[in-house]
Amino acid sequence: MATKTTTRARGMRGLAVGVALLLASGGAAQAEWRRAETANFLVYGQGSERDLRPHAERLERFDALLRRQLGVSPVEGARKLPVYLVFTGKELRQVHPGMDERTAGFYSASEVDVYSVLNRRSGNHVLFHEYAHHFMFQNFPGRYPAWFVEGFAEFFMTASVDDPARITLGYFHPGRLHALNEGAWLPMERLLTARPRETEGRPERAAFYAQSWLLTHYMLSDAERRRGLDAYLLAVAGGTPPLEALQIHMGHTPESLEQALRAYLRGRMTYAQFSMADVPEPAMTVQVLPESADRMLLDSLNIRYPKPEADGAALLAKVREDAARYPGDRLALTALGQAEMNWGDAVAAEAALEQVLAAAPSDAEALQLMARLRIRAGDAQGVDAADRSARYREAQAYLARALEAAPTDYRIYAALARLRREASGYPNENDLQTWRLAVAYAPQVMGLRIQAAEAMARGGRIEEAILLLSPAADNPHGGEDAANARERLDALKRQTAPAN
């Protein structure tokens, strides 16, 4: 049974941000990479099995906490989230070269892949925040105001799950508390209607996240306010302007809401403490990765993304040199195949991937890359319609094999659906179902939602297209994709609106 504990938030604002998380061994990182596989995660890290296991256990416990609090049962066969644990900012930038040096980690949900990379010395807050986003859109896809999307993640990210007998939920992050107590607040009208990308500079962004956390904490801490929040979210999702919904369902104007939040901050804020000792320890298998992982695992993530020509050429040269150290190694050959396909020689790419498939005919990654090579060959300039169709059929055959090997990989469904776009009769019911499965296995990938919605609208499923577009339209980090989704969503709603 949960117990409530209180703390004076202002009085504790001088606490240090925290002590850096160290390896249990206390020593330097080892070169050997391991992968821990649990029900919901694939956790990659350097070091001993004893070092890696606690990270995977912590993630599973956090997932169990979210499920228990939100009433969500595990989904059989759901795709597992890969999490890569590194030690330094340099390693983070090896995966994402443009990453700010101060970044502790990141989460990526795109058509390329869904995964997270975390500097393990930075603690759990970043990963818990991003996994809360992942969990929210996996299990509750919908149209939410940006402050609630971020406030939800901020609320759960401070959970303490190290001791199953003493779980805490609803605590505060010292950095957010400092922003609230020492920094300027955003006007409430702006908080309720803006997105993080629309804030100007670090102080405004810090205020957005801190106020979003405080508003979410305030709403969730009282049963009556929770009911008002539910009604507010439904109204905003249905198109009611946020400030109007605030007045109707929460009984506040922006001014009175700010006064209530400042009073709540000055008062005694509650957090829950309870036991989850009844949750069994997660089943886990740990395997040692090949020696090539030390030089090539992080690069194998980086090479998936487009780059300026000079950067691509430099990365290709590095991958070629590293792959030569590990002849016959599947990780090295797959990375080499992708790098050659992106910036080098298609013939060399195919040769590398054929070696992978000779050793492992069901390697889903290699099969998808072979399909992409066939699609590129079919799309090359000067290829006639008959040859293009032949290359596409070869691609479909590779994707069918990949799907048999990895039936929850959304990228395979999306590739199969795209191959059908120019076909006669597209989209038929099978095409629409393929798009549905792609989104079902990766509802966090907003680009997939937009493409699936286009197919649904083209196939006359307008209401389904609207449902698909809604989360993408209000994605706080969506940028141009979110703007495009809003434009398409508005057009579809006008199409379905009753005539005057």
Protein backbone atom coordinates (compact mmCIF):
# COMPACT_ATOMS: atom_id res chain seq x y z
CA MET A 1 0.00 0.00 0.00
CA ALA A 2 1.37 3.43 -0.89
CA THR A 3 2.18 5.94 1.80
CA LYS A 4 2.44 9.66 1.24
CA THR A 5 5.46 11.61 2.36
CA THR A 6 5.88 15.35 2.28
CA THR A 7 8.81 17.67 1.87
CA ARG A 8 9.22 21.42 1.76
CA ALA A 9 10.35 21.86 -1.81
CA ARG A 10 11.76 25.37 -1.35
CA GLY A 11 13.74 24.39 1.70
CA MET A 12 15.51 21.61 -0.18
CA ARG A 13 16.37 23.56 -3.29
CA GLY A 14 20.03 23.80 -2.28
CA LEU A 15 20.61 20.06 -2.54
CA ALA A 16 23.28 19.01 -4.98
CA VAL A 17 22.09 17.71 -8.32
CA GLY A 18 23.45 14.29 -7.41
CA VAL A 19 26.48 12.11 -7.28
CA ALA A 20 27.68 10.61 -10.57
CA LEU A 21 26.71 6.98 -11.04
CA LEU A 22 29.81 4.79 -10.92
CA LEU A 23 30.35 1.22 -11.98
CA ALA A 24 30.10 -1.34 -9.24
CA SER A 25 33.72 -2.25 -9.88
CA GLY A 26 34.83 1.36 -9.58
CA GLY A 27 37.39 0.77 -12.31
CA ALA A 28 37.87 1.91 -15.87
CA ALA A 29 35.62 0.69 -18.63
CA GLN A 30 36.50 -2.64 -20.15
CA ALA A 31 36.53 -3.06 -23.91
CA GLU A 32 34.28 -6.11 -23.84
CA TRP A 33 30.66 -5.38 -24.79
CA ARG A 34 27.71 -7.39 -23.51
CA ARG A 35 24.01 -7.44 -24.25
CA ALA A 36 21.40 -8.08 -21.56
CA GLU A 37 18.00 -9.15 -22.92
CA THR A 38 14.86 -8.87 -20.80
CA ALA A 39 11.15 -8.91 -21.57
CA ASN A 40 11.11 -5.28 -22.73
CA PHE A 41 14.72 -4.21 -23.32
CA LEU A 42 17.98 -5.01 -25.07
CA VAL A 43 20.64 -3.30 -22.96
CA TYR A 44 24.14 -2.95 -24.40
CA GLY A 45 27.14 -1.95 -22.32
CA GLN A 46 30.83 -2.41 -21.68
CA GLY A 47 32.08 -4.14 -18.60
CA SER A 48 31.22 -7.24 -16.66
CA GLU A 49 27.85 -8.96 -16.43
CA ARG A 50 27.67 -7.78 -12.83
CA ASP A 51 27.96 -4.19 -14.07
CA LEU A 52 25.29 -4.55 -16.75
CA ARG A 53 22.60 -6.50 -14.91
CA PRO A 54 21.55 -3.72 -12.48
CA HIS A 55 20.87 -1.34 -15.36
CA ALA A 56 18.60 -3.83 -17.12
CA GLU A 57 16.86 -4.72 -13.85
CA ARG A 58 16.27 -1.03 -13.11
CA LEU A 59 14.69 -0.47 -16.51
CA GLU A 60 12.38 -3.46 -16.09
CA ARG A 61 11.39 -2.25 -12.64
CA PHE A 62 10.61 1.22 -14.02
CA ASP A 63 8.50 -0.36 -16.76
CA ALA A 64 6.66 -2.38 -14.10
CA LEU A 65 6.07 0.81 -12.11
CA LEU A 66 4.52 2.55 -15.12
CA ARG A 67 2.32 -0.44 -15.86
CA ARG A 68 1.13 -0.68 -12.27
CA GLN A 69 0.40 3.03 -11.92
CA LEU A 70 -1.35 3.31 -15.29
CA GLY A 71 -3.11 -0.06 -15.40
CA VAL A 72 -1.33 -1.37 -18.49
CA SER A 73 -0.68 -5.08 -19.01
CA PRO A 74 2.43 -6.30 -20.85
CA VAL A 75 1.93 -6.87 -24.57
CA GLU A 76 3.04 -10.26 -25.80
CA GLY A 77 5.52 -9.99 -28.67
CA ALA A 78 6.10 -6.22 -28.48
CA ARG A 79 9.38 -5.05 -29.96
CA LYS A 80 12.07 -4.59 -27.32
CA LEU A 81 13.71 -1.19 -26.85
CA PRO A 82 17.47 -1.19 -27.46
CA VAL A 83 19.39 0.87 -24.88
CA TYR A 84 23.10 1.61 -25.36
CA LEU A 85 25.05 2.56 -22.24
CA VAL A 86 28.24 4.54 -22.76
CA PHE A 87 30.71 6.24 -20.44
CA THR A 88 31.55 9.56 -22.08
CA GLY A 89 30.13 12.40 -24.12
CA LYS A 90 32.61 11.49 -26.82
CA GLU A 91 30.92 8.10 -27.22
CA LEU A 92 27.50 9.78 -27.39
CA ARG A 93 28.80 11.97 -30.21
CA GLN A 94 30.18 8.90 -31.96
CA VAL A 95 26.55 7.83 -32.36
CA HIS A 96 25.18 11.35 -32.93
CA PRO A 97 28.03 13.66 -34.04
CA GLY A 98 25.99 16.86 -33.64
CA MET A 99 25.12 16.19 -30.00
CA ASP A 100 25.75 18.99 -27.50
CA GLU A 101 28.67 18.17 -25.19
CA ARG A 102 26.44 18.70 -22.15
CA THR A 103 23.91 16.09 -23.28
CA ALA A 104 23.60 13.12 -20.93
CA GLY A 105 21.75 10.90 -23.38
CA PHE A 106 19.04 10.80 -25.99
CA TYR A 107 16.13 8.78 -27.32
CA SER A 108 15.47 8.39 -31.03
CA ALA A 109 12.18 7.26 -32.55
CA SER A 110 12.37 7.48 -36.33
CA GLU A 111 11.89 5.37 -39.41
CA VAL A 112 15.52 4.31 -39.02
CA ASP A 113 15.08 2.76 -35.57
CA VAL A 114 13.74 3.30 -32.06
CA TYR A 115 16.48 3.22 -29.41
CA SER A 116 18.17 5.18 -26.63
CA VAL A 117 21.78 6.01 -25.80
CA LEU A 118 22.74 7.09 -22.28
CA ASN A 119 25.91 8.17 -20.53
CA ARG A 120 25.62 5.85 -17.56
CA ARG A 121 27.53 8.28 -15.31
CA SER A 122 24.65 10.75 -15.60
CA GLY A 123 22.10 8.76 -13.60
CA ASN A 124 18.65 7.59 -14.61
CA HIS A 125 16.63 10.78 -15.09
CA VAL A 126 17.30 11.21 -18.82
CA LEU A 127 16.54 7.60 -19.66
CA PHE A 128 13.46 7.45 -17.44
CA HIS A 129 12.16 10.69 -18.98
CA GLU A 130 12.57 9.38 -22.50
CA TYR A 131 11.21 5.94 -21.69
CA ALA A 132 8.12 7.60 -20.20
CA HIS A 133 7.56 9.25 -23.60
CA HIS A 134 8.11 5.88 -25.30
CA PHE A 135 5.65 4.20 -22.93
CA MET A 136 3.03 6.93 -23.26
CA PHE A 137 2.87 6.80 -27.03
CA GLN A 138 3.15 3.01 -27.06
CA ASN A 139 0.16 2.54 -24.81
CA PHE A 140 -1.85 5.80 -24.93
CA PRO A 141 -1.38 7.31 -28.40
CA GLY A 142 -3.45 10.45 -28.67
CA ARG A 143 -3.45 14.20 -29.03
CA TYR A 144 -2.05 15.86 -25.90
CA PRO A 145 -0.95 19.41 -25.12
CA ALA A 146 2.82 19.74 -25.09
CA TRP A 147 3.00 20.71 -21.42
CA PHE A 148 1.33 17.44 -20.43
CA VAL A 149 3.53 15.30 -22.70
CA GLU A 150 6.62 16.77 -21.04
CA GLY A 151 5.07 17.02 -17.59
CA PHE A 152 4.14 13.32 -17.69
CA ALA A 153 7.74 12.39 -18.48
CA GLU A 154 9.12 14.82 -15.87
CA PHE A 155 6.78 13.44 -13.21
CA PHE A 156 7.86 9.84 -13.71
CA MET A 157 11.54 10.45 -14.40
CA THR A 158 12.38 11.09 -10.74
CA ALA A 159 11.03 7.72 -9.61
CA SER A 160 13.41 5.73 -7.43
CA VAL A 161 13.26 2.03 -8.23
CA ASP A 162 16.61 0.74 -6.94
CA ASP A 163 15.04 -0.91 -3.89
CA PRO A 164 11.85 -2.86 -4.79
CA ALA A 165 10.67 -2.57 -1.20
CA ARG A 166 10.94 1.22 -1.22
CA ILE A 167 9.78 2.72 -4.49
CA THR A 168 9.25 6.48 -4.56
CA LEU A 169 7.14 8.37 -7.09
CA GLY A 170 6.42 12.07 -7.48
CA TYR A 171 9.68 13.42 -6.06
CA PHE A 172 11.27 16.48 -7.60
CA HIS A 173 14.38 17.12 -9.69
CA PRO A 174 16.66 19.74 -8.08
CA GLY A 175 17.35 21.43 -11.42
CA ARG A 176 13.65 21.89 -12.14
CA LEU A 177 13.07 23.17 -8.62
CA HIS A 178 15.87 25.70 -9.03
CA ALA A 179 14.30 26.96 -12.27
CA LEU A 180 10.95 27.44 -10.51
CA ASN A 181 12.36 29.18 -7.46
CA GLU A 182 15.07 31.29 -9.04
CA GLY A 183 14.12 31.75 -12.70
CA ALA A 184 11.47 33.73 -14.52
CA TRP A 185 8.25 31.83 -15.27
CA LEU A 186 6.67 31.61 -18.67
CA PRO A 187 3.23 33.24 -18.82
CA MET A 188 0.64 30.54 -18.21
CA GLU A 189 -1.07 31.25 -21.54
CA ARG A 190 2.18 30.44 -23.29
CA LEU A 191 2.87 27.33 -21.22
CA LEU A 192 -0.56 25.94 -22.07
CA THR A 193 -0.24 26.53 -25.81
CA ALA A 194 3.49 26.40 -26.67
CA ARG A 195 5.87 23.58 -27.57
CA PRO A 196 9.43 23.20 -26.24
CA ARG A 197 10.84 24.05 -29.68
CA GLU A 198 9.02 27.38 -29.55
CA THR A 199 10.82 28.56 -26.41
CA GLU A 200 13.77 30.91 -26.78
CA GLY A 201 17.05 29.93 -25.16
CA ARG A 202 17.92 27.66 -22.25
CA PRO A 203 16.20 29.71 -19.49
CA GLU A 204 12.82 29.65 -21.27
CA ARG A 205 13.17 25.97 -22.07
CA ALA A 206 14.10 25.21 -18.47
CA ALA A 207 11.02 27.15 -17.35
CA PHE A 208 8.81 25.20 -19.76
CA TYR A 209 9.94 21.83 -18.43
CA ALA A 210 9.87 22.91 -14.79
CA GLN A 211 6.38 24.44 -14.99
CA SER A 212 5.11 21.43 -16.95
CA TRP A 213 6.36 19.17 -14.16
CA LEU A 214 4.79 21.37 -11.47
CA LEU A 215 1.44 21.59 -13.25
CA THR A 216 1.34 17.82 -13.79
CA HIS A 217 2.32 17.17 -10.16
CA TYR A 218 -0.39 19.57 -8.98
CA MET A 219 -3.05 17.89 -11.11
CA LEU A 220 -2.11 14.33 -10.14
CA SER A 221 -1.85 15.01 -6.42
CA ASP A 222 -5.60 15.41 -5.86
CA ALA A 223 -8.47 13.16 -6.97
CA GLU A 224 -10.76 16.03 -7.98
CA ARG A 225 -8.02 17.73 -9.95
CA ARG A 226 -7.23 14.43 -11.68
CA ARG A 227 -10.83 14.19 -12.86
CA GLY A 228 -10.63 17.74 -14.14
CA LEU A 229 -7.39 16.93 -15.93
CA ASP A 230 -8.98 13.93 -17.65
CA ALA A 231 -11.86 16.09 -18.89
CA TYR A 232 -9.46 18.85 -19.94
CA LEU A 233 -7.30 16.47 -21.98
CA LEU A 234 -10.33 15.00 -23.72
CA ALA A 235 -11.63 18.45 -24.55
CA VAL A 236 -8.31 19.69 -25.94
CA ALA A 237 -7.92 16.50 -27.99
CA GLY A 238 -11.38 17.16 -29.40
CA GLY A 239 -10.43 20.66 -30.54
CA THR A 240 -11.49 22.88 -27.61
CA PRO A 241 -9.01 25.78 -27.24
CA PRO A 242 -6.73 25.11 -24.24
CA LEU A 243 -7.63 28.27 -22.33
CA GLU A 244 -11.34 27.61 -22.77
CA ALA A 245 -10.90 24.00 -21.61
CA LEU A 246 -8.94 25.27 -18.61
CA GLN A 247 -11.86 27.43 -17.50
CA ILE A 248 -14.54 24.81 -18.13
CA HIS A 249 -12.87 21.69 -16.72
CA MET A 250 -10.33 22.99 -14.21
CA GLY A 251 -12.13 26.10 -13.05
CA HIS A 252 -9.10 28.31 -13.63
CA THR A 253 -8.03 31.29 -15.60
CA PRO A 254 -4.31 31.47 -16.48
CA GLU A 255 -3.85 33.99 -13.68
CA SER A 256 -5.59 31.92 -11.01
CA LEU A 257 -3.76 28.78 -12.15
CA GLU A 258 -0.40 30.50 -11.71
CA GLN A 259 -1.38 31.64 -8.23
CA ALA A 260 -2.42 28.09 -7.35
CA LEU A 261 0.84 26.64 -8.65
CA ARG A 262 2.98 29.16 -6.76
CA ALA A 263 1.07 28.38 -3.57
CA TYR A 264 1.48 24.64 -4.21
CA LEU A 265 5.22 25.11 -4.69
CA ARG A 266 5.50 27.03 -1.42
CA GLY A 267 3.51 24.42 0.48
CA ARG A 268 4.09 20.81 1.36
CA MET A 269 4.29 18.74 -1.81
CA THR A 270 3.50 15.06 -1.45
CA TYR A 271 5.21 12.09 -3.02
CA ALA A 272 4.33 8.42 -2.78
CA GLN A 273 6.41 5.68 -1.23
CA PHE A 274 5.42 2.04 -1.57
CA SER A 275 6.70 -1.48 -2.10
CA MET A 276 6.90 -3.47 -5.33
CA ALA A 277 8.58 -6.44 -3.68
CA ASP A 278 5.85 -8.66 -5.11
CA VAL A 279 7.11 -8.03 -8.65
CA PRO A 280 9.39 -10.95 -9.58
CA GLU A 281 12.96 -10.33 -10.63
CA PRO A 282 13.07 -9.97 -14.43
CA ALA A 283 14.19 -12.94 -16.48
CA MET A 284 17.40 -12.00 -18.24
CA THR A 285 20.00 -13.48 -20.54
CA VAL A 286 23.41 -11.88 -20.97
CA GLN A 287 25.73 -12.57 -23.87
CA VAL A 288 29.19 -11.35 -24.77
CA LEU A 289 29.31 -9.50 -28.08
CA PRO A 290 32.06 -10.15 -30.61
CA GLU A 291 35.35 -8.31 -30.32
CA SER A 292 34.34 -6.09 -33.24
CA ALA A 293 31.76 -4.35 -31.03
CA ASP A 294 34.51 -2.39 -29.29
CA ARG A 295 35.33 -0.51 -32.50
CA MET A 296 32.16 -0.83 -34.54
CA LEU A 297 28.98 -1.08 -32.44
CA LEU A 298 28.49 2.67 -31.98
CA ASP A 299 29.50 3.39 -35.58
CA SER A 300 26.90 0.84 -36.70
CA LEU A 301 24.27 3.25 -35.31
CA ASN A 302 25.86 6.35 -36.80
CA ILE A 303 26.11 4.98 -40.35
CA ARG A 304 22.34 4.59 -40.62
CA TYR A 305 21.78 8.32 -41.05
CA PRO A 306 22.38 10.72 -43.97
CA LYS A 307 25.50 12.90 -43.76
CA PRO A 308 27.33 15.53 -45.75
CA GLU A 309 29.47 13.93 -48.44
CA ALA A 310 32.79 14.58 -46.68
CA ASP A 311 31.55 13.18 -43.37
CA GLY A 312 30.14 10.10 -45.09
CA ALA A 313 33.41 9.48 -46.94
CA ALA A 314 35.40 9.76 -43.70
CA LEU A 315 33.08 7.37 -41.87
CA LEU A 316 33.20 4.90 -44.77
CA ALA A 317 37.00 4.92 -44.65
CA LYS A 318 36.95 4.23 -40.90
CA VAL A 319 34.40 1.41 -41.24
CA ARG A 320 36.42 -0.18 -44.05
CA GLU A 321 39.58 -0.07 -41.94
CA ASP A 322 37.84 -1.45 -38.85
CA ALA A 323 35.98 -4.20 -40.75
CA ALA A 324 39.28 -5.41 -42.21
CA ARG A 325 40.38 -6.28 -38.66
CA TYR A 326 37.50 -8.75 -38.25
CA PRO A 327 37.14 -10.89 -41.39
CA GLY A 328 33.95 -12.92 -41.39
CA ASP A 329 32.49 -11.08 -38.40
CA ARG A 330 28.73 -10.45 -38.83
CA LEU A 331 28.62 -7.10 -37.03
CA ALA A 332 31.60 -5.82 -39.01
CA LEU A 333 30.23 -7.08 -42.33
CA THR A 334 26.75 -5.65 -41.72
CA ALA A 335 28.21 -2.25 -40.81
CA LEU A 336 30.46 -2.40 -43.86
CA GLY A 337 27.52 -3.30 -46.10
CA GLN A 338 25.50 -0.33 -44.86
CA ALA A 339 28.41 2.11 -45.15
CA GLU A 340 29.24 0.92 -48.69
CA MET A 341 25.58 1.23 -49.68
CA ASN A 342 25.38 4.78 -48.31
CA TRP A 343 28.66 6.27 -49.52
CA GLY A 344 30.65 3.67 -51.38
CA ASP A 345 30.24 0.78 -53.81
CA ALA A 346 26.93 -1.08 -54.12
CA VAL A 347 28.72 -4.19 -55.37
CA ALA A 348 30.97 -4.20 -52.28
CA ALA A 349 27.91 -3.64 -50.09
CA GLU A 350 26.16 -6.66 -51.57
CA ALA A 351 29.27 -8.81 -51.23
CA ALA A 352 29.55 -7.98 -47.52
CA LEU A 353 25.88 -8.66 -46.88
CA GLU A 354 25.97 -11.93 -48.80
CA GLN A 355 28.70 -13.10 -46.43
CA VAL A 356 26.43 -12.30 -43.50
CA LEU A 357 23.53 -14.21 -45.00
CA ALA A 358 25.71 -17.17 -45.91
CA ALA A 359 26.55 -17.53 -42.22
CA ALA A 360 23.13 -16.46 -40.88
CA PRO A 361 20.33 -16.71 -43.48
CA SER A 362 17.81 -15.22 -41.04
CA ASP A 363 19.77 -12.07 -40.16
CA ALA A 364 16.92 -9.53 -40.33
CA GLU A 365 19.19 -6.49 -40.56
CA ALA A 366 21.17 -7.86 -43.48
CA LEU A 367 17.98 -8.95 -45.24
CA GLN A 368 16.52 -5.44 -44.95
CA LEU A 369 19.72 -3.92 -46.32
CA MET A 370 19.69 -6.32 -49.26
CA ALA A 371 16.10 -5.26 -49.95
CA ARG A 372 17.18 -1.62 -49.94
CA LEU A 373 19.92 -2.40 -52.44
CA ARG A 374 17.35 -3.99 -54.74
CA ILE A 375 14.99 -1.03 -54.36
CA ARG A 376 17.79 1.39 -55.20
CA ALA A 377 18.68 -0.65 -58.23
CA GLY A 378 15.06 -0.53 -59.36
CA ASP A 379 14.88 3.23 -58.81
CA ALA A 380 18.14 3.98 -60.66
CA GLN A 381 17.99 6.32 -63.60
CA GLY A 382 17.43 4.57 -66.91
CA VAL A 383 15.89 1.39 -65.49
CA ASP A 384 12.82 0.37 -67.47
CA ALA A 385 9.51 -0.64 -65.92
CA ALA A 386 10.07 -4.39 -66.34
CA ASP A 387 13.49 -4.29 -64.64
CA ARG A 388 12.14 -2.07 -61.89
CA SER A 389 9.34 -4.56 -61.19
CA ALA A 390 11.85 -7.41 -61.11
CA ARG A 391 14.08 -5.58 -58.61
CA TYR A 392 11.05 -4.75 -56.47
CA ARG A 393 9.99 -8.40 -56.42
CA GLU A 394 13.48 -9.37 -55.27
CA ALA A 395 13.24 -6.73 -52.53
CA GLN A 396 9.87 -8.10 -51.44
CA ALA A 397 11.36 -11.58 -51.20
CA TYR A 398 14.15 -10.33 -48.92
CA LEU A 399 11.63 -8.43 -46.79
CA ALA A 400 9.42 -11.52 -46.50
CA ARG A 401 12.39 -13.44 -45.13
CA ALA A 402 13.20 -10.58 -42.76
CA LEU A 403 9.61 -10.52 -41.51
CA GLU A 404 9.71 -14.22 -40.75
CA ALA A 405 12.87 -13.64 -38.71
CA ALA A 406 11.69 -10.45 -36.96
CA PRO A 407 7.86 -10.29 -37.02
CA THR A 408 7.70 -7.23 -34.70
CA ASP A 409 10.12 -5.01 -36.65
CA TYR A 410 8.05 -2.05 -37.84
CA ARG A 411 10.66 -1.09 -40.44
CA ILE A 412 9.91 -4.23 -42.45
CA TYR A 413 6.17 -3.54 -42.59
CA ALA A 414 6.82 0.06 -43.62
CA ALA A 415 9.23 -1.01 -46.37
CA LEU A 416 6.72 -3.55 -47.72
CA ALA A 417 3.96 -0.93 -47.72
CA ARG A 418 6.13 1.65 -49.51
CA LEU A 419 7.00 -0.84 -52.22
CA ARG A 420 3.32 -1.04 -53.10
CA ARG A 421 2.73 2.70 -53.47
CA GLU A 422 3.00 2.79 -57.26
CA ALA A 423 1.24 -0.53 -57.79
CA SER A 424 -2.13 -0.82 -59.46
CA GLY A 425 -4.95 -0.85 -56.94
CA TYR A 426 -2.91 0.69 -54.11
CA PRO A 427 -3.95 0.87 -51.38
CA ASN A 428 -5.91 -2.36 -51.08
CA GLU A 429 -6.98 -3.77 -47.74
CA ASN A 430 -3.74 -5.72 -47.36
CA ASP A 431 -1.73 -2.52 -47.89
CA LEU A 432 -3.74 -0.73 -45.22
CA GLN A 433 -3.27 -3.58 -42.79
CA THR A 434 0.47 -3.53 -43.43
CA TRP A 435 0.54 0.18 -42.52
CA ARG A 436 -1.54 -0.54 -39.42
CA LEU A 437 0.99 -3.12 -38.25
CA ALA A 438 3.90 -0.78 -38.90
CA VAL A 439 2.30 1.84 -36.65
CA ALA A 440 1.19 -0.73 -34.07
CA TYR A 441 4.77 -1.91 -33.54
CA ALA A 442 6.18 1.64 -33.38
CA PRO A 443 3.43 4.11 -32.47
CA GLN A 444 6.12 6.56 -31.30
CA VAL A 445 7.42 7.04 -34.87
CA MET A 446 5.47 10.04 -36.08
CA GLY A 447 6.72 9.84 -39.66
CA LEU A 448 5.11 6.41 -39.98
CA ARG A 449 1.83 7.80 -38.73
CA ILE A 450 1.87 10.48 -41.42
CA GLN A 451 2.56 7.95 -44.18
CA ALA A 452 -0.02 5.51 -42.86
CA ALA A 453 -2.58 8.32 -42.65
CA GLU A 454 -1.92 9.21 -46.29
CA ALA A 455 -2.67 5.62 -47.26
CA MET A 456 -5.82 5.54 -45.10
CA ALA A 457 -7.11 8.79 -46.59
CA ARG A 458 -6.36 7.57 -50.11
CA GLY A 459 -8.26 4.39 -49.30
CA GLY A 460 -11.26 6.30 -47.97
CA ARG A 461 -10.57 5.64 -44.27
CA ILE A 462 -10.72 9.32 -43.30
CA GLU A 463 -11.57 8.84 -39.62
CA GLU A 464 -8.74 6.37 -39.22
CA ALA A 465 -6.37 8.81 -40.91
CA ILE A 466 -7.41 11.52 -38.45
CA LEU A 467 -6.72 9.22 -35.48
CA LEU A 468 -3.27 8.40 -36.87
CA LEU A 469 -2.35 12.03 -37.44
CA SER A 470 -3.51 13.39 -34.09
CA PRO A 471 -0.44 12.37 -32.00
CA ALA A 472 1.91 13.57 -34.74
CA ALA A 473 0.18 16.93 -35.02
CA ASP A 474 0.84 17.81 -31.37
CA ASN A 475 4.21 16.12 -30.96
CA PRO A 476 6.23 18.59 -28.84
CA HIS A 477 9.45 17.69 -30.67
CA GLY A 478 7.92 17.26 -34.10
CA GLY A 479 9.26 20.30 -35.92
CA GLU A 480 8.28 20.37 -39.59
CA ASP A 481 6.69 16.92 -39.35
CA ALA A 482 4.30 18.20 -36.69
CA ALA A 483 3.46 21.25 -38.78
CA ASN A 484 2.78 19.04 -41.82
CA ALA A 485 0.65 16.70 -39.73
CA ARG A 486 -1.41 19.62 -38.39
CA GLU A 487 -1.96 20.92 -41.91
CA ARG A 488 -3.10 17.51 -43.16
CA LEU A 489 -5.22 16.94 -40.09
CA ASP A 490 -7.02 20.25 -40.57
CA ALA A 491 -7.64 19.41 -44.23
CA LEU A 492 -9.13 16.02 -43.34
CA LYS A 493 -11.34 17.53 -40.66
CA ARG A 494 -12.63 20.08 -43.14
CA GLN A 495 -13.34 17.21 -45.52
CA THR A 496 -15.46 15.43 -42.92
CA ALA A 497 -17.16 18.53 -41.50
CA PRO A 498 -20.91 18.70 -42.19
CA ALA A 499 -21.92 21.24 -44.79
CA ASN A 500 -23.61 24.41 -43.52
